[in-house]
PDB file of all heavy atoms in Angstrom:
ATOM      1  N   VAL A   1       1.100  -6.198  10.053  1.00  0.00           N
ATOM      2  CA  VAL A   1       0.281  -5.581   9.020  1.00  0.00           C
ATOM      3  C   VAL A   1       0.094  -6.451   7.791  1.00  0.00           C
ATOM      4  O   VAL A   1      -0.663  -6.074   6.887  1.00  0.00           O
ATOM      5  CB  VAL A   1       0.863  -4.216   8.579  1.00  0.00           C
ATOM      6  CG1 VAL A   1       1.165  -3.339   9.783  1.00  0.00           C
ATOM      7  CG2 VAL A   1       2.113  -4.399   7.723  1.00  0.00           C
ATOM      8  N   ASN A   2       0.730  -7.606   7.711  1.00  0.00           N
ATOM      9  CA  ASN A   2       0.796  -8.344   6.453  1.00  0.00           C
ATOM     10  C   ASN A   2      -0.547  -8.902   5.981  1.00  0.00           C
ATOM     11  O   ASN A   2      -0.666  -9.290   4.813  1.00  0.00           O
ATOM     12  CB  ASN A   2       1.848  -9.453   6.517  1.00  0.00           C
ATOM     13  CG  ASN A   2       1.520 -10.536   7.521  1.00  0.00           C
ATOM     14  OD1 ASN A   2       0.537 -10.465   8.244  1.00  0.00           O
ATOM     15  ND2 ASN A   2       2.371 -11.559   7.568  1.00  0.00           N
ATOM     16  N   ASP A   3      -1.548  -8.951   6.820  1.00  0.00           N
ATOM     17  CA  ASP A   3      -2.877  -9.392   6.410  1.00  0.00           C
ATOM     18  C   ASP A   3      -3.845  -8.231   6.228  1.00  0.00           C
ATOM     19  O   ASP A   3      -4.998  -8.440   5.838  1.00  0.00           O
ATOM     20  CB  ASP A   3      -3.468 -10.367   7.431  1.00  0.00           C
ATOM     21  CG  ASP A   3      -2.726 -11.691   7.468  1.00  0.00           C
ATOM     22  OD1 ASP A   3      -2.229 -12.128   6.414  1.00  0.00           O
ATOM     23  OD2 ASP A   3      -2.657 -12.289   8.555  1.00  0.00           O
ATOM     24  N   ARG A   4      -3.378  -7.019   6.482  1.00  0.00           N
ATOM     25  CA  ARG A   4      -4.271  -5.862   6.471  1.00  0.00           C
ATOM     26  C   ARG A   4      -3.831  -4.745   5.528  1.00  0.00           C
ATOM     27  O   ARG A   4      -4.667  -3.960   5.072  1.00  0.00           O
ATOM     28  CB  ARG A   4      -4.393  -5.286   7.885  1.00  0.00           C
ATOM     29  CG  ARG A   4      -4.933  -6.285   8.905  1.00  0.00           C
ATOM     30  CD  ARG A   4      -5.070  -5.650  10.284  1.00  0.00           C
ATOM     31  NE  ARG A   4      -3.770  -5.307  10.862  1.00  0.00           N
ATOM     32  CZ  ARG A   4      -3.389  -4.073  11.168  1.00  0.00           C
ATOM     33  NH1 ARG A   4      -4.214  -3.042  10.972  1.00  0.00           N
ATOM     34  NH2 ARG A   4      -2.196  -3.855  11.699  1.00  0.00           N
ATOM     35  N   PHE A   5      -2.536  -4.647   5.243  1.00  0.00           N
ATOM     36  CA  PHE A   5      -2.004  -3.566   4.413  1.00  0.00           C
ATOM     37  C   PHE A   5      -1.567  -4.109   3.060  1.00  0.00           C
ATOM     38  O   PHE A   5      -1.123  -5.252   2.948  1.00  0.00           O
ATOM     39  CB  PHE A   5      -0.792  -2.909   5.082  1.00  0.00           C
ATOM     40  CG  PHE A   5      -1.091  -2.135   6.337  1.00  0.00           C
ATOM     41  CD1 PHE A   5      -2.341  -2.166   6.932  1.00  0.00           C
ATOM     42  CD2 PHE A   5      -0.098  -1.363   6.924  1.00  0.00           C
ATOM     43  CE1 PHE A   5      -2.610  -1.451   8.092  1.00  0.00           C
ATOM     44  CE2 PHE A   5      -0.351  -0.642   8.080  1.00  0.00           C
ATOM     45  CZ  PHE A   5      -1.604  -0.686   8.664  1.00  0.00           C
ATOM     46  N   THR A   6      -1.650  -3.252   2.036  1.00  0.00           N
ATOM     47  CA  THR A   6      -1.207  -3.608   0.700  1.00  0.00           C
ATOM     48  C   THR A   6      -0.413  -2.451   0.112  1.00  0.00           C
ATOM     49  O   THR A   6      -0.905  -1.324   0.064  1.00  0.00           O
ATOM     50  CB  THR A   6      -2.384  -3.941  -0.226  1.00  0.00           C
ATOM     51  OG1 THR A   6      -3.146  -5.023   0.328  1.00  0.00           O
ATOM     52  CG2 THR A   6      -1.875  -4.357  -1.603  1.00  0.00           C
ATOM     53  N   ILE A   7       0.805  -2.734  -0.328  1.00  0.00           N
ATOM     54  CA  ILE A   7       1.642  -1.717  -0.952  1.00  0.00           C
ATOM     55  C   ILE A   7       1.645  -1.920  -2.459  1.00  0.00           C
ATOM     56  O   ILE A   7       1.742  -3.050  -2.939  1.00  0.00           O
ATOM     57  CB  ILE A   7       3.078  -1.748  -0.373  1.00  0.00           C
ATOM     58  CG1 ILE A   7       3.904  -0.576  -0.920  1.00  0.00           C
ATOM     59  CG2 ILE A   7       3.766  -3.076  -0.652  1.00  0.00           C
ATOM     60  CD1 ILE A   7       5.254  -0.410  -0.224  1.00  0.00           C
ATOM     61  N   THR A   8       1.518  -0.826  -3.202  1.00  0.00           N
ATOM     62  CA  THR A   8       1.551  -0.868  -4.655  1.00  0.00           C
ATOM     63  C   THR A   8       2.469   0.229  -5.173  1.00  0.00           C
ATOM     64  O   THR A   8       2.702   1.229  -4.495  1.00  0.00           O
ATOM     65  CB  THR A   8       0.155  -0.705  -5.270  1.00  0.00           C
ATOM     66  OG1 THR A   8      -0.434   0.522  -4.822  1.00  0.00           O
ATOM     67  CG2 THR A   8      -0.746  -1.866  -4.870  1.00  0.00           C
ATOM     68  N   ARG A   9       2.965   0.045  -6.394  1.00  0.00           N
ATOM     69  CA  ARG A   9       3.917   0.985  -6.971  1.00  0.00           C
ATOM     70  C   ARG A   9       3.631   1.190  -8.446  1.00  0.00           C
ATOM     71  O   ARG A   9       3.298   0.244  -9.159  1.00  0.00           O
ATOM     72  CB  ARG A   9       5.343   0.471  -6.775  1.00  0.00           C
ATOM     73  CG  ARG A   9       6.434   1.358  -7.361  1.00  0.00           C
ATOM     74  CD  ARG A   9       7.796   0.743  -7.118  1.00  0.00           C
ATOM     75  NE  ARG A   9       8.869   1.538  -7.687  1.00  0.00           N
ATOM     76  CZ  ARG A   9      10.154   1.241  -7.604  1.00  0.00           C
ATOM     77  NH1 ARG A   9      10.533   0.141  -6.952  1.00  0.00           N
ATOM     78  NH2 ARG A   9      11.066   2.022  -8.159  1.00  0.00           N
ATOM     79  N   ARG A  10       3.789   2.432  -8.881  1.00  0.00           N
ATOM     80  CA  ARG A  10       3.668   2.784 -10.285  1.00  0.00           C
ATOM     81  C   ARG A  10       4.981   3.424 -10.700  1.00  0.00           C
ATOM     82  O   ARG A  10       5.236   4.592 -10.410  1.00  0.00           O
ATOM     83  CB  ARG A  10       2.487   3.729 -10.511  1.00  0.00           C
ATOM     84  CG  ARG A  10       2.170   3.979 -11.953  1.00  0.00           C
ATOM     85  CD  ARG A  10       0.789   4.621 -12.117  1.00  0.00           C
ATOM     86  NE  ARG A  10       0.708   5.902 -11.466  1.00  0.00           N
ATOM     87  CZ  ARG A  10       0.033   6.134 -10.346  1.00  0.00           C
ATOM     88  NH1 ARG A  10      -0.619   5.131  -9.754  1.00  0.00           N
ATOM     89  NH2 ARG A  10       0.005   7.333  -9.810  1.00  0.00           N
ATOM     90  N   ARG A  11       5.835   2.646 -11.352  1.00  0.00           N
ATOM     91  CA  ARG A  11       7.216   3.068 -11.597  1.00  0.00           C
ATOM     92  C   ARG A  11       7.376   4.285 -12.486  1.00  0.00           C
ATOM     93  O   ARG A  11       8.231   5.123 -12.198  1.00  0.00           O
ATOM     94  CB  ARG A  11       8.025   1.891 -12.157  1.00  0.00           C
ATOM     95  CG  ARG A  11       8.378   0.848 -11.112  1.00  0.00           C
ATOM     96  CD  ARG A  11       9.401  -0.135 -11.639  1.00  0.00           C
ATOM     97  NE  ARG A  11       8.863  -1.004 -12.662  1.00  0.00           N
ATOM     98  CZ  ARG A  11       8.231  -2.144 -12.403  1.00  0.00           C
ATOM     99  NH1 ARG A  11       8.062  -2.539 -11.156  1.00  0.00           N
ATOM    100  NH2 ARG A  11       7.766  -2.884 -13.400  1.00  0.00           N
ATOM    101  N   PRO A  12       6.614   4.442 -13.601  1.00  0.00           N
ATOM    102  CA  PRO A  12       6.840   5.627 -14.438  1.00  0.00           C
ATOM    103  C   PRO A  12       6.702   6.941 -13.694  1.00  0.00           C
ATOM    104  O   PRO A  12       7.420   7.901 -14.002  1.00  0.00           O
ATOM    105  CB  PRO A  12       5.764   5.487 -15.527  1.00  0.00           C
ATOM    106  CG  PRO A  12       5.511   4.024 -15.617  1.00  0.00           C
ATOM    107  CD  PRO A  12       5.606   3.535 -14.196  1.00  0.00           C
ATOM    108  N   ALA A  13       5.818   6.994 -12.734  1.00  0.00           N
ATOM    109  CA  ALA A  13       5.617   8.209 -11.952  1.00  0.00           C
ATOM    110  C   ALA A  13       6.341   8.164 -10.614  1.00  0.00           C
ATOM    111  O   ALA A  13       6.259   9.121  -9.844  1.00  0.00           O
ATOM    112  CB  ALA A  13       4.130   8.443 -11.732  1.00  0.00           C
ATOM    113  N   ASN A  14       7.039   7.055 -10.347  1.00  0.00           N
ATOM    114  CA  ASN A  14       7.732   6.881  -9.077  1.00  0.00           C
ATOM    115  C   ASN A  14       6.817   7.158  -7.892  1.00  0.00           C
ATOM    116  O   ASN A  14       7.143   7.939  -6.995  1.00  0.00           O
ATOM    117  CB  ASN A  14       8.979   7.765  -9.006  1.00  0.00           C
ATOM    118  CG  ASN A  14      10.103   7.246  -9.868  1.00  0.00           C
ATOM    119  OD1 ASN A  14      10.340   6.035  -9.934  1.00  0.00           O
ATOM    120  ND2 ASN A  14      10.808   8.153 -10.531  1.00  0.00           N
ATOM    121  N   THR A  15       5.661   6.520  -7.917  1.00  0.00           N
ATOM    122  CA  THR A  15       4.705   6.662  -6.832  1.00  0.00           C
ATOM    123  C   THR A  15       4.514   5.338  -6.123  1.00  0.00           C
ATOM    124  O   THR A  15       4.690   4.267  -6.704  1.00  0.00           O
ATOM    125  CB  THR A  15       3.346   7.166  -7.346  1.00  0.00           C
ATOM    126  OG1 THR A  15       2.796   6.212  -8.275  1.00  0.00           O
ATOM    127  CG2 THR A  15       3.492   8.512  -8.036  1.00  0.00           C
ATOM    128  N   VAL A  16       4.134   5.413  -4.874  1.00  0.00           N
ATOM    129  CA  VAL A  16       3.853   4.222  -4.091  1.00  0.00           C
ATOM    130  C   VAL A  16       2.694   4.519  -3.153  1.00  0.00           C
ATOM    131  O   VAL A  16       2.622   5.606  -2.565  1.00  0.00           O
ATOM    132  CB  VAL A  16       5.105   3.748  -3.315  1.00  0.00           C
ATOM    133  CG1 VAL A  16       5.574   4.807  -2.326  1.00  0.00           C
ATOM    134  CG2 VAL A  16       4.843   2.426  -2.617  1.00  0.00           C
ATOM    135  N   ASN A  17       1.778   3.564  -3.044  1.00  0.00           N
ATOM    136  CA  ASN A  17       0.618   3.708  -2.181  1.00  0.00           C
ATOM    137  C   ASN A  17       0.639   2.633  -1.105  1.00  0.00           C
ATOM    138  O   ASN A  17       1.254   1.580  -1.258  1.00  0.00           O
ATOM    139  CB  ASN A  17      -0.679   3.598  -2.975  1.00  0.00           C
ATOM    140  CG  ASN A  17      -0.853   4.715  -3.982  1.00  0.00           C
ATOM    141  OD1 ASN A  17      -0.316   5.810  -3.818  1.00  0.00           O
ATOM    142  ND2 ASN A  17      -1.620   4.454  -5.029  1.00  0.00           N
ATOM    143  N   LEU A  18      -0.068   2.903  -0.027  1.00  0.00           N
ATOM    144  CA  LEU A  18      -0.252   1.930   1.037  1.00  0.00           C
ATOM    145  C   LEU A  18      -1.725   1.908   1.398  1.00  0.00           C
ATOM    146  O   LEU A  18      -2.238   2.869   1.978  1.00  0.00           O
ATOM    147  CB  LEU A  18       0.598   2.271   2.259  1.00  0.00           C
ATOM    148  CG  LEU A  18       0.561   1.238   3.389  1.00  0.00           C
ATOM    149  CD1 LEU A  18       1.282  -0.043   2.961  1.00  0.00           C
ATOM    150  CD2 LEU A  18       1.190   1.800   4.658  1.00  0.00           C
ATOM    151  N   ARG A  19      -2.402   0.825   1.027  1.00  0.00           N
ATOM    152  CA  ARG A  19      -3.794   0.639   1.376  1.00  0.00           C
ATOM    153  C   ARG A  19      -3.869  -0.053   2.724  1.00  0.00           C
ATOM    154  O   ARG A  19      -3.371  -1.163   2.882  1.00  0.00           O
ATOM    155  CB  ARG A  19      -4.508  -0.195   0.310  1.00  0.00           C
ATOM    156  CG  ARG A  19      -5.964  -0.519   0.615  1.00  0.00           C
ATOM    157  CD  ARG A  19      -6.828   0.718   0.615  1.00  0.00           C
ATOM    158  NE  ARG A  19      -8.229   0.402   0.801  1.00  0.00           N
ATOM    159  CZ  ARG A  19      -9.199   1.288   0.940  1.00  0.00           C
ATOM    160  NH1 ARG A  19      -8.907   2.590   0.894  1.00  0.00           N
ATOM    161  NH2 ARG A  19     -10.452   0.899   1.109  1.00  0.00           N
ATOM    162  N   MET A  20      -4.487   0.593   3.696  1.00  0.00           N
ATOM    163  CA  MET A  20      -4.571   0.085   5.051  1.00  0.00           C
ATOM    164  C   MET A  20      -6.024  -0.204   5.392  1.00  0.00           C
ATOM    165  O   MET A  20      -6.883   0.668   5.269  1.00  0.00           O
ATOM    166  CB  MET A  20      -3.987   1.092   6.043  1.00  0.00           C
ATOM    167  CG  MET A  20      -2.564   1.534   5.716  1.00  0.00           C
ATOM    168  SD  MET A  20      -1.862   2.643   6.960  1.00  0.00           S
ATOM    169  CE  MET A  20      -2.952   4.055   6.769  1.00  0.00           C
ATOM    170  N   THR A  21      -6.290  -1.428   5.827  1.00  0.00           N
ATOM    171  CA  THR A  21      -7.630  -1.832   6.230  1.00  0.00           C
ATOM    172  C   THR A  21      -7.596  -2.394   7.639  1.00  0.00           C
ATOM    173  O   THR A  21      -6.541  -2.767   8.155  1.00  0.00           O
ATOM    174  CB  THR A  21      -8.215  -2.873   5.268  1.00  0.00           C
ATOM    175  OG1 THR A  21      -7.418  -4.064   5.298  1.00  0.00           O
ATOM    176  CG2 THR A  21      -8.256  -2.336   3.846  1.00  0.00           C
ATOM    177  N   ASP A  22      -8.781  -2.478   8.247  1.00  0.00           N
ATOM    178  CA  ASP A  22      -8.905  -2.993   9.612  1.00  0.00           C
ATOM    179  C   ASP A  22      -7.884  -2.334  10.536  1.00  0.00           C
ATOM    180  O   ASP A  22      -7.144  -3.005  11.267  1.00  0.00           O
ATOM    181  CB  ASP A  22      -8.741  -4.511   9.625  1.00  0.00           C
ATOM    182  CG  ASP A  22      -9.138  -5.138  10.952  1.00  0.00           C
ATOM    183  OD1 ASP A  22      -9.945  -4.523  11.682  1.00  0.00           O
ATOM    184  OD2 ASP A  22      -8.646  -6.241  11.259  1.00  0.00           O
ATOM    185  N   LEU A  23      -7.857  -1.034  10.508  1.00  0.00           N
ATOM    186  CA  LEU A  23      -6.877  -0.300  11.299  1.00  0.00           C
ATOM    187  C   LEU A  23      -7.115  -0.475  12.790  1.00  0.00           C
ATOM    188  O   LEU A  23      -8.258  -0.550  13.256  1.00  0.00           O
ATOM    189  CB  LEU A  23      -6.916   1.181  10.931  1.00  0.00           C
ATOM    190  CG  LEU A  23      -6.252   1.512   9.596  1.00  0.00           C
ATOM    191  CD1 LEU A  23      -6.698   2.872   9.081  1.00  0.00           C
ATOM    192  CD2 LEU A  23      -4.735   1.462   9.740  1.00  0.00           C
ATOM    193  N   LYS A  24      -6.027  -0.540  13.523  1.00  0.00           N
ATOM    194  CA  LYS A  24      -6.048  -0.738  14.960  1.00  0.00           C
ATOM    195  C   LYS A  24      -5.366   0.429  15.653  1.00  0.00           C
ATOM    196  O   LYS A  24      -4.545   1.119  15.053  1.00  0.00           O
ATOM    197  CB  LYS A  24      -5.334  -2.047  15.313  1.00  0.00           C
ATOM    198  CG  LYS A  24      -5.891  -3.270  14.595  1.00  0.00           C
ATOM    199  CD  LYS A  24      -5.108  -4.520  14.942  1.00  0.00           C
ATOM    200  CE  LYS A  24      -5.622  -5.715  14.163  1.00  0.00           C
ATOM    201  NZ  LYS A  24      -7.039  -6.017  14.472  1.00  0.00           N
TER     202      LYS A  24
END
């Protein structure tokens, strides 16, 4: 997934997202 997914974090709200592209 390292060329297709992106993980991001917003610490004050303790949230984390995973953007997934070119799904298989």
